[in-house]
Amino acid sequence: MPVESPADAPLLIDARELARQLAVGQTTIKKLIRTGRLPLKRFRLCRKRLFSRVELTEWIAAGMPPASRWSMVRELNAAASGRRAG
């Protein structure tokens, strides 16, 4: 399987790719979302649930905090970089 360069990587990924990136199963992804351990914003497009690859990277870099802390971490990071958290 060829490795994608960052420029070629899709901006949004589905749950299967999210599970692959985190090296867990899709059932674990569902459980992490349900329990608030995976606080990534979900987008709906054509009946698919998609996740931001950028947010995933930021969440991992922040130490994978639970939802209760992730929004605060994102706001602090956005303020530090001069952009709005979304």
C-alpha atoms as a PDB file:
ATOM      1  CA  MET A   1       0.000   0.000   0.000  1.00  0.00           C
ATOM      2  CA  PRO A   2       1.575   3.343  -1.028  1.00  0.00           C
ATOM      3  CA  VAL A   3       2.088   5.959   1.663  1.00  0.00           C
ATOM      4  CA  GLU A   4       0.187   9.200   1.069  1.00  0.00           C
ATOM      5  CA  SER A   5       2.012  12.470   1.316  1.00  0.00           C
ATOM      6  CA  PRO A   6       0.371  15.061   3.594  1.00  0.00           C
ATOM      7  CA  ALA A   7      -0.727  17.027   0.533  1.00  0.00           C
ATOM      8  CA  ASP A   8      -2.535  13.962  -0.844  1.00  0.00           C
ATOM      9  CA  ALA A   9      -4.175  12.937   2.440  1.00  0.00           C
ATOM     10  CA  PRO A  10      -7.925  13.574   2.646  1.00  0.00           C
ATOM     11  CA  LEU A  11      -9.030  16.304   5.048  1.00  0.00           C
ATOM     12  CA  LEU A  12     -11.854  14.156   6.406  1.00  0.00           C
ATOM     13  CA  ILE A  13     -11.619  10.482   7.308  1.00  0.00           C
ATOM     14  CA  ASP A  14     -14.279   7.885   8.054  1.00  0.00           C
ATOM     15  CA  ALA A  15     -14.533   5.717  11.172  1.00  0.00           C
ATOM     16  CA  ARG A  16     -12.662   2.858   9.509  1.00  0.00           C
ATOM     17  CA  GLU A  17      -9.657   5.076   8.754  1.00  0.00           C
ATOM     18  CA  LEU A  18      -9.905   6.656  12.212  1.00  0.00           C
ATOM     19  CA  ALA A  19      -9.740   3.188  13.768  1.00  0.00           C
ATOM     20  CA  ARG A  20      -6.756   2.333  11.567  1.00  0.00           C
ATOM     21  CA  GLN A  21      -4.962   5.556  12.526  1.00  0.00           C
ATOM     22  CA  LEU A  22      -5.494   4.822  16.234  1.00  0.00           C
ATOM     23  CA  ALA A  23      -4.695   1.094  15.838  1.00  0.00           C
ATOM     24  CA  VAL A  24      -8.019  -0.011  17.345  1.00  0.00           C
ATOM     25  CA  GLY A  25     -11.174  -1.666  16.039  1.00  0.00           C
ATOM     26  CA  GLN A  26     -14.296   0.143  14.879  1.00  0.00           C
ATOM     27  CA  THR A  27     -16.211  -1.183  17.894  1.00  0.00           C
ATOM     28  CA  THR A  28     -13.645   0.504  20.135  1.00  0.00           C
ATOM     29  CA  ILE A  29     -14.127   3.773  18.218  1.00  0.00           C
ATOM     30  CA  LYS A  30     -17.885   3.612  18.867  1.00  0.00           C
ATOM     31  CA  LYS A  31     -17.277   2.910  22.555  1.00  0.00           C
ATOM     32  CA  LEU A  32     -14.761   5.771  22.854  1.00  0.00           C
ATOM     33  CA  ILE A  33     -17.262   8.180  21.275  1.00  0.00           C
ATOM     34  CA  ARG A  34     -20.104   6.958  23.491  1.00  0.00           C
ATOM     35  CA  THR A  35     -18.068   7.325  26.690  1.00  0.00           C
ATOM     36  CA  GLY A  36     -16.612  10.736  25.799  1.00  0.00           C
ATOM     37  CA  ARG A  37     -13.019   9.537  25.429  1.00  0.00           C
ATOM     38  CA  LEU A  38     -12.994  10.421  21.715  1.00  0.00           C
ATOM     39  CA  PRO A  39     -14.226  14.018  21.604  1.00  0.00           C
ATOM     40  CA  LEU A  40     -13.555  14.705  17.929  1.00  0.00           C
ATOM     41  CA  LYS A  41     -16.188  16.678  16.067  1.00  0.00           C
ATOM     42  CA  ARG A  42     -18.139  14.543  13.609  1.00  0.00           C
ATOM     43  CA  PHE A  43     -19.358  15.721  10.224  1.00  0.00           C
ATOM     44  CA  ARG A  44     -22.173  14.127   8.256  1.00  0.00           C
ATOM     45  CA  LEU A  45     -21.837  13.888   4.500  1.00  0.00           C
ATOM     46  CA  CYS A  46     -23.828  11.513   2.300  1.00  0.00           C
ATOM     47  CA  ARG A  47     -24.787   9.279   5.237  1.00  0.00           C
ATOM     48  CA  LYS A  48     -21.177   9.026   6.362  1.00  0.00           C
ATOM     49  CA  ARG A  49     -19.737  10.167   9.645  1.00  0.00           C
ATOM     50  CA  LEU A  50     -16.432  11.841   8.995  1.00  0.00           C
ATOM     51  CA  PHE A  51     -13.700  13.194  11.244  1.00  0.00           C
ATOM     52  CA  SER A  52     -11.126  15.928  10.667  1.00  0.00           C
ATOM     53  CA  ARG A  53      -7.632  14.551  10.137  1.00  0.00           C
ATOM     54  CA  VAL A  54      -6.207  17.866  11.446  1.00  0.00           C
ATOM     55  CA  GLU A  55      -8.248  17.693  14.646  1.00  0.00           C
ATOM     56  CA  LEU A  56      -7.209  14.056  15.127  1.00  0.00           C
ATOM     57  CA  THR A  57      -3.553  15.074  14.870  1.00  0.00           C
ATOM     58  CA  GLU A  58      -4.064  17.984  17.299  1.00  0.00           C
ATOM     59  CA  TRP A  59      -5.925  15.744  19.767  1.00  0.00           C
ATOM     60  CA  ILE A  60      -3.138  13.156  19.753  1.00  0.00           C
ATOM     61  CA  ALA A  61      -0.485  15.887  20.160  1.00  0.00           C
ATOM     62  CA  ALA A  62      -2.425  17.221  23.171  1.00  0.00           C
ATOM     63  CA  GLY A  63      -2.205  13.832  24.882  1.00  0.00           C
ATOM     64  CA  MET A  64      -5.651  12.545  23.842  1.00  0.00           C
ATOM     65  CA  PRO A  65      -7.643  14.340  26.560  1.00  0.00           C
ATOM     66  CA  PRO A  66     -11.278  13.376  27.222  1.00  0.00           C
ATOM     67  CA  ALA A  67     -14.122  15.532  25.929  1.00  0.00           C
ATOM     68  CA  SER A  68     -14.360  17.350  29.257  1.00  0.00           C
ATOM     69  CA  ARG A  69     -10.885  18.851  28.664  1.00  0.00           C
ATOM     70  CA  TRP A  70     -10.534  18.781  24.887  1.00  0.00           C
ATOM     71  CA  SER A  71     -12.645  21.874  24.161  1.00  0.00           C
ATOM     72  CA  MET A  72     -10.557  23.894  26.620  1.00  0.00           C
ATOM     73  CA  VAL A  73      -7.288  22.602  25.125  1.00  0.00           C
ATOM     74  CA  ARG A  74      -8.475  23.467  21.594  1.00  0.00           C
ATOM     75  CA  GLU A  75      -9.451  26.990  22.630  1.00  0.00           C
ATOM     76  CA  LEU A  76      -6.075  27.550  24.307  1.00  0.00           C
ATOM     77  CA  ASN A  77      -4.228  26.242  21.240  1.00  0.00           C
ATOM     78  CA  ALA A  78      -6.330  28.386  18.930  1.00  0.00           C
ATOM     79  CA  ALA A  79      -5.753  31.498  21.051  1.00  0.00           C
ATOM     80  CA  ALA A  80      -2.015  30.818  21.117  1.00  0.00           C
ATOM     81  CA  SER A  81      -1.888  30.472  17.333  1.00  0.00           C
ATOM     82  CA  GLY A  82      -4.203  33.441  16.733  1.00  0.00           C
ATOM     83  CA  ARG A  83      -7.061  31.507  15.146  1.00  0.00           C
ATOM     84  CA  ARG A  84     -10.568  30.618  16.200  1.00  0.00           C
ATOM     85  CA  ALA A  85     -11.393  27.140  17.546  1.00  0.00           C
ATOM     86  CA  GLY A  86     -14.136  25.511  15.532  1.00  0.00           C
END
